């Protein structure tokens, strides 16, 4: 079985969030809403993020409604935020950069 990371400390989470605009810590999770100009762009983002998540073997809790994608990241078997969540949040932010709507 692959090594699963330990829980991130509050300081580690705060430091990571300082470099992740739009993300926040909430109830042992990292959460963010992404808004895109169109449904197709929201879906393209989800597709690209799904490929990253699969590579990491770490999958988001998320939902999509029209051009909005709500994301919640936690490492369920650790009961909170780990390095996997932080890595996936960084990757999702990179994927959304320049694609999000300004509204």
N, C-alpha and C. Protein backbone atom coordinates (compact mmCIF):
# COMPACT_ATOMS: atom_id res chain seq x y z
N UNK A 1 0.85 -1.18 0.00
CA UNK A 1 0.00 0.00 0.00
C UNK A 1 0.89 1.24 0.00
N UNK A 2 0.57 2.24 -0.84
CA UNK A 2 1.38 3.45 -0.88
C UNK A 2 1.33 4.20 0.45
N UNK A 3 2.41 4.92 0.72
CA UNK A 3 2.49 5.74 1.93
C UNK A 3 1.45 6.85 1.87
N UNK A 4 0.69 7.01 2.94
CA UNK A 4 -0.29 8.09 3.03
C UNK A 4 0.30 9.15 3.96
N UNK A 5 0.20 10.41 3.59
CA UNK A 5 0.81 11.48 4.39
C UNK A 5 0.07 11.70 5.72
N UNK A 6 0.78 12.33 6.61
CA UNK A 6 0.20 12.70 7.90
C UNK A 6 -0.57 14.01 7.76
N UNK A 7 -1.36 14.32 8.76
CA UNK A 7 -2.12 15.57 8.75
C UNK A 7 -1.17 16.77 8.71
N UNK A 8 -1.55 17.76 7.96
CA UNK A 8 -0.79 19.01 7.92
C UNK A 8 -1.09 19.80 9.20
N UNK A 9 -0.11 20.53 9.67
CA UNK A 9 -0.32 21.38 10.84
C UNK A 9 -1.08 22.64 10.42
N UNK A 10 -1.63 23.33 11.40
CA UNK A 10 -2.32 24.59 11.11
C UNK A 10 -1.37 25.58 10.45
N UNK A 11 -0.13 25.62 10.90
CA UNK A 11 0.86 26.53 10.31
C UNK A 11 1.14 26.16 8.85
N UNK A 12 1.26 24.88 8.56
CA UNK A 12 1.51 24.44 7.17
C UNK A 12 0.32 24.80 6.28
N UNK A 13 -0.88 24.62 6.79
CA UNK A 13 -2.07 24.96 6.02
C UNK A 13 -2.13 26.47 5.78
N UNK A 14 -1.91 27.26 6.83
CA UNK A 14 -1.93 28.72 6.68
C UNK A 14 -0.89 29.19 5.67
N UNK A 15 0.31 28.62 5.73
CA UNK A 15 1.36 29.00 4.80
C UNK A 15 0.97 28.67 3.37
N UNK A 16 0.40 27.49 3.15
CA UNK A 16 -0.03 27.08 1.81
C UNK A 16 -1.16 27.97 1.31
N UNK A 17 -2.12 28.28 2.19
CA UNK A 17 -3.26 29.09 1.78
C UNK A 17 -2.85 30.51 1.40
N UNK A 18 -1.77 31.01 1.98
CA UNK A 18 -1.28 32.34 1.63
C UNK A 18 -0.88 32.41 0.16
N UNK A 19 -0.52 31.27 -0.42
CA UNK A 19 -0.13 31.22 -1.83
C UNK A 19 -1.23 30.63 -2.71
N UNK A 20 -2.42 30.42 -2.14
CA UNK A 20 -3.54 29.83 -2.88
C UNK A 20 -4.77 30.73 -2.78
N UNK A 21 -4.80 31.82 -3.53
CA UNK A 21 -5.94 32.72 -3.47
C UNK A 21 -7.26 31.98 -3.76
N UNK A 22 -8.26 32.33 -2.98
CA UNK A 22 -9.59 31.74 -3.18
C UNK A 22 -9.86 30.51 -2.35
N UNK A 23 -8.81 29.85 -1.90
CA UNK A 23 -8.96 28.66 -1.06
C UNK A 23 -9.08 29.09 0.40
N UNK A 24 -9.81 28.29 1.18
CA UNK A 24 -9.90 28.52 2.62
C UNK A 24 -10.00 27.18 3.33
N UNK A 25 -9.62 27.18 4.59
CA UNK A 25 -9.76 26.00 5.43
C UNK A 25 -11.10 26.08 6.13
N UNK A 26 -11.83 24.96 6.12
CA UNK A 26 -13.16 24.95 6.71
C UNK A 26 -13.49 23.53 7.17
N UNK A 27 -13.66 23.34 8.47
CA UNK A 27 -14.07 22.05 9.02
C UNK A 27 -13.18 20.89 8.58
N UNK A 28 -11.86 21.09 8.65
CA UNK A 28 -10.93 20.02 8.29
C UNK A 28 -10.82 19.75 6.81
N UNK A 29 -11.17 20.74 6.00
CA UNK A 29 -11.12 20.61 4.54
C UNK A 29 -10.54 21.89 3.94
N UNK A 30 -10.07 21.77 2.71
CA UNK A 30 -9.76 22.94 1.90
C UNK A 30 -10.93 23.11 0.94
N UNK A 31 -11.47 24.30 0.84
CA UNK A 31 -12.63 24.52 -0.03
C UNK A 31 -12.41 25.73 -0.93
N UNK A 32 -13.02 25.63 -2.09
CA UNK A 32 -12.96 26.75 -3.04
C UNK A 32 -14.06 26.58 -4.07
N UNK A 33 -14.56 27.69 -4.56
CA UNK A 33 -15.48 27.71 -5.69
C UNK A 33 -14.77 28.33 -6.87
N UNK A 34 -14.81 27.65 -7.99
CA UNK A 34 -14.27 28.17 -9.24
C UNK A 34 -15.45 28.55 -10.12
N UNK A 35 -15.36 29.68 -10.81
CA UNK A 35 -16.40 30.11 -11.75
C UNK A 35 -15.74 30.35 -13.11
N UNK A 36 -16.32 29.76 -14.14
CA UNK A 36 -15.78 29.84 -15.49
C UNK A 36 -16.77 30.55 -16.41
N UNK A 37 -16.30 31.05 -17.55
CA UNK A 37 -17.20 31.76 -18.46
C UNK A 37 -18.33 30.89 -19.02
N UNK A 38 -18.05 29.60 -19.20
CA UNK A 38 -19.04 28.70 -19.81
C UNK A 38 -19.03 27.34 -19.10
N UNK A 39 -20.10 26.59 -19.33
CA UNK A 39 -20.16 25.23 -18.82
C UNK A 39 -19.03 24.39 -19.40
N UNK A 40 -18.76 24.56 -20.70
CA UNK A 40 -17.71 23.76 -21.35
C UNK A 40 -16.35 24.00 -20.69
N UNK A 41 -16.06 25.24 -20.31
CA UNK A 41 -14.78 25.52 -19.65
C UNK A 41 -14.75 24.93 -18.24
N UNK A 42 -15.87 24.97 -17.55
CA UNK A 42 -15.93 24.34 -16.22
C UNK A 42 -15.70 22.83 -16.35
N UNK A 43 -16.32 22.23 -17.34
CA UNK A 43 -16.17 20.79 -17.53
C UNK A 43 -14.75 20.44 -17.97
N UNK A 44 -14.14 21.26 -18.81
CA UNK A 44 -12.76 21.03 -19.22
C UNK A 44 -11.82 21.10 -18.02
N UNK A 45 -12.06 22.06 -17.13
CA UNK A 45 -11.28 22.16 -15.90
C UNK A 45 -11.43 20.88 -15.08
N UNK A 46 -12.66 20.41 -14.91
CA UNK A 46 -12.89 19.20 -14.12
C UNK A 46 -12.19 17.99 -14.75
N UNK A 47 -12.22 17.91 -16.06
CA UNK A 47 -11.56 16.80 -16.74
C UNK A 47 -10.05 16.83 -16.50
N UNK A 48 -9.45 18.00 -16.65
CA UNK A 48 -8.01 18.13 -16.42
C UNK A 48 -7.67 17.85 -14.96
N UNK A 49 -8.48 18.36 -14.03
CA UNK A 49 -8.24 18.12 -12.61
C UNK A 49 -8.41 16.65 -12.26
N UNK A 50 -9.35 15.98 -12.90
CA UNK A 50 -9.55 14.55 -12.64
C UNK A 50 -8.32 13.74 -13.02
N UNK A 51 -7.64 14.12 -14.10
CA UNK A 51 -6.43 13.41 -14.50
C UNK A 51 -5.32 13.59 -13.48
N UNK A 52 -5.19 14.80 -12.93
CA UNK A 52 -4.20 15.05 -11.88
C UNK A 52 -4.56 14.25 -10.63
N UNK A 53 -5.82 14.29 -10.25
CA UNK A 53 -6.27 13.57 -9.05
C UNK A 53 -6.01 12.07 -9.19
N UNK A 54 -6.25 11.54 -10.35
CA UNK A 54 -6.02 10.10 -10.57
C UNK A 54 -4.54 9.78 -10.43
N UNK A 55 -3.68 10.64 -10.99
CA UNK A 55 -2.24 10.43 -10.87
C UNK A 55 -1.79 10.45 -9.41
N UNK A 56 -2.41 11.34 -8.62
CA UNK A 56 -2.07 11.44 -7.20
C UNK A 56 -2.75 10.35 -6.36
N UNK A 57 -3.71 9.64 -6.96
CA UNK A 57 -4.56 8.69 -6.23
C UNK A 57 -5.23 9.41 -5.06
N UNK A 58 -5.74 10.60 -5.37
CA UNK A 58 -6.38 11.44 -4.35
C UNK A 58 -7.47 12.25 -5.04
N UNK A 59 -8.70 12.02 -4.65
CA UNK A 59 -9.82 12.53 -5.44
C UNK A 59 -10.66 13.54 -4.66
N UNK A 60 -11.06 14.62 -5.33
CA UNK A 60 -11.82 15.66 -4.65
C UNK A 60 -13.29 15.28 -4.45
N UNK A 61 -13.88 15.90 -3.45
CA UNK A 61 -15.34 15.95 -3.37
C UNK A 61 -15.69 17.24 -4.10
N UNK A 62 -16.50 17.14 -5.13
CA UNK A 62 -16.81 18.34 -5.89
C UNK A 62 -18.16 18.22 -6.55
N UNK A 63 -18.67 19.37 -6.97
CA UNK A 63 -19.93 19.39 -7.70
C UNK A 63 -19.83 20.48 -8.76
N UNK A 64 -20.65 20.31 -9.79
CA UNK A 64 -20.66 21.25 -10.90
C UNK A 64 -22.10 21.66 -11.16
N UNK A 65 -22.31 22.95 -11.30
CA UNK A 65 -23.60 23.48 -11.73
C UNK A 65 -23.31 24.58 -12.73
N UNK A 66 -23.67 24.34 -13.96
CA UNK A 66 -23.45 25.23 -15.08
C UNK A 66 -21.98 25.59 -15.18
N UNK A 67 -21.57 26.79 -14.82
CA UNK A 67 -20.17 27.21 -14.98
C UNK A 67 -19.44 27.29 -13.66
N UNK A 68 -20.03 26.73 -12.62
CA UNK A 68 -19.48 26.77 -11.27
C UNK A 68 -19.02 25.38 -10.86
N UNK A 69 -17.83 25.33 -10.23
CA UNK A 69 -17.32 24.07 -9.68
C UNK A 69 -16.97 24.32 -8.21
N UNK A 70 -17.67 23.63 -7.32
CA UNK A 70 -17.40 23.71 -5.89
C UNK A 70 -16.52 22.53 -5.50
N UNK A 71 -15.40 22.81 -4.85
CA UNK A 71 -14.41 21.79 -4.51
C UNK A 71 -14.20 21.73 -3.01
N UNK A 72 -14.08 20.51 -2.49
CA UNK A 72 -13.76 20.27 -1.09
C UNK A 72 -12.70 19.18 -1.05
N UNK A 73 -11.56 19.48 -0.44
CA UNK A 73 -10.46 18.53 -0.38
C UNK A 73 -10.17 18.13 1.06
N UNK A 74 -10.09 16.85 1.30
CA UNK A 74 -9.68 16.30 2.59
C UNK A 74 -9.16 14.90 2.34
N UNK A 75 -8.28 14.45 3.19
CA UNK A 75 -7.80 13.07 3.11
C UNK A 75 -8.63 12.27 4.10
N UNK A 76 -9.65 11.60 3.58
CA UNK A 76 -10.64 10.93 4.43
C UNK A 76 -10.01 9.96 5.42
N UNK A 77 -9.04 9.16 4.96
CA UNK A 77 -8.46 8.15 5.87
C UNK A 77 -7.53 8.76 6.91
N UNK A 78 -7.27 10.07 6.83
CA UNK A 78 -6.47 10.77 7.84
C UNK A 78 -7.31 11.74 8.66
N UNK A 79 -8.53 11.99 8.20
CA UNK A 79 -9.44 12.85 8.96
C UNK A 79 -9.13 14.32 8.88
N UNK A 80 -8.54 14.78 7.79
CA UNK A 80 -8.25 16.20 7.64
C UNK A 80 -7.35 16.47 6.45
N UNK A 81 -6.74 17.63 6.46
CA UNK A 81 -5.91 18.10 5.35
C UNK A 81 -4.50 17.54 5.46
N UNK A 82 -4.00 17.00 4.34
CA UNK A 82 -2.63 16.50 4.25
C UNK A 82 -1.94 17.14 3.06
N UNK A 83 -0.69 16.76 2.85
CA UNK A 83 0.08 17.25 1.70
C UNK A 83 -0.61 16.92 0.38
N UNK A 84 -1.35 15.81 0.32
CA UNK A 84 -2.07 15.47 -0.90
C UNK A 84 -3.11 16.53 -1.25
N UNK A 85 -3.83 17.00 -0.24
CA UNK A 85 -4.83 18.04 -0.47
C UNK A 85 -4.18 19.33 -0.94
N UNK A 86 -3.08 19.68 -0.30
CA UNK A 86 -2.37 20.90 -0.68
C UNK A 86 -1.84 20.80 -2.10
N UNK A 87 -1.31 19.65 -2.46
CA UNK A 87 -0.79 19.46 -3.82
C UNK A 87 -1.90 19.54 -4.86
N UNK A 88 -3.04 18.90 -4.56
CA UNK A 88 -4.16 18.95 -5.50
C UNK A 88 -4.73 20.36 -5.60
N UNK A 89 -4.81 21.09 -4.50
CA UNK A 89 -5.29 22.48 -4.53
C UNK A 89 -4.37 23.33 -5.41
N UNK A 90 -3.07 23.16 -5.27
CA UNK A 90 -2.12 23.93 -6.10
C UNK A 90 -2.32 23.58 -7.58
N UNK A 91 -2.47 22.30 -7.88
CA UNK A 91 -2.66 21.89 -9.27
C UNK A 91 -3.96 22.44 -9.83
N UNK A 92 -5.04 22.41 -9.05
CA UNK A 92 -6.32 22.93 -9.52
C UNK A 92 -6.23 24.44 -9.77
N UNK A 93 -5.54 25.15 -8.90
CA UNK A 93 -5.37 26.59 -9.09
C UNK A 93 -4.60 26.87 -10.38
N UNK A 94 -3.55 26.09 -10.64
CA UNK A 94 -2.79 26.27 -11.89
C UNK A 94 -3.69 25.99 -13.10
N UNK A 95 -4.49 24.94 -13.04
CA UNK A 95 -5.35 24.58 -14.16
C UNK A 95 -6.41 25.67 -14.43
N UNK A 96 -6.88 26.31 -13.37
CA UNK A 96 -7.93 27.33 -13.53
C UNK A 96 -7.37 28.69 -13.91
N UNK A 97 -6.09 28.91 -13.70
CA UNK A 97 -5.49 30.22 -13.95
C UNK A 97 -5.75 30.66 -15.39
N UNK A 98 -6.29 31.85 -15.51
CA UNK A 98 -6.56 32.41 -16.83
C UNK A 98 -7.85 31.93 -17.46
N UNK A 99 -8.50 30.92 -16.87
CA UNK A 99 -9.75 30.39 -17.42
C UNK A 99 -10.98 30.94 -16.70
N UNK A 100 -10.82 31.36 -15.46
CA UNK A 100 -11.98 31.74 -14.65
C UNK A 100 -12.61 33.03 -15.16
N UNK A 101 -13.91 33.15 -14.90
CA UNK A 101 -14.62 34.36 -15.29
C UNK A 101 -14.34 35.46 -14.29
N UNK A 102 -14.56 36.69 -14.70
CA UNK A 102 -14.31 37.84 -13.83
C UNK A 102 -15.53 38.26 -13.03
N UNK A 103 -16.69 37.59 -13.21
CA UNK A 103 -17.88 38.02 -12.47
C UNK A 103 -17.82 37.61 -11.04
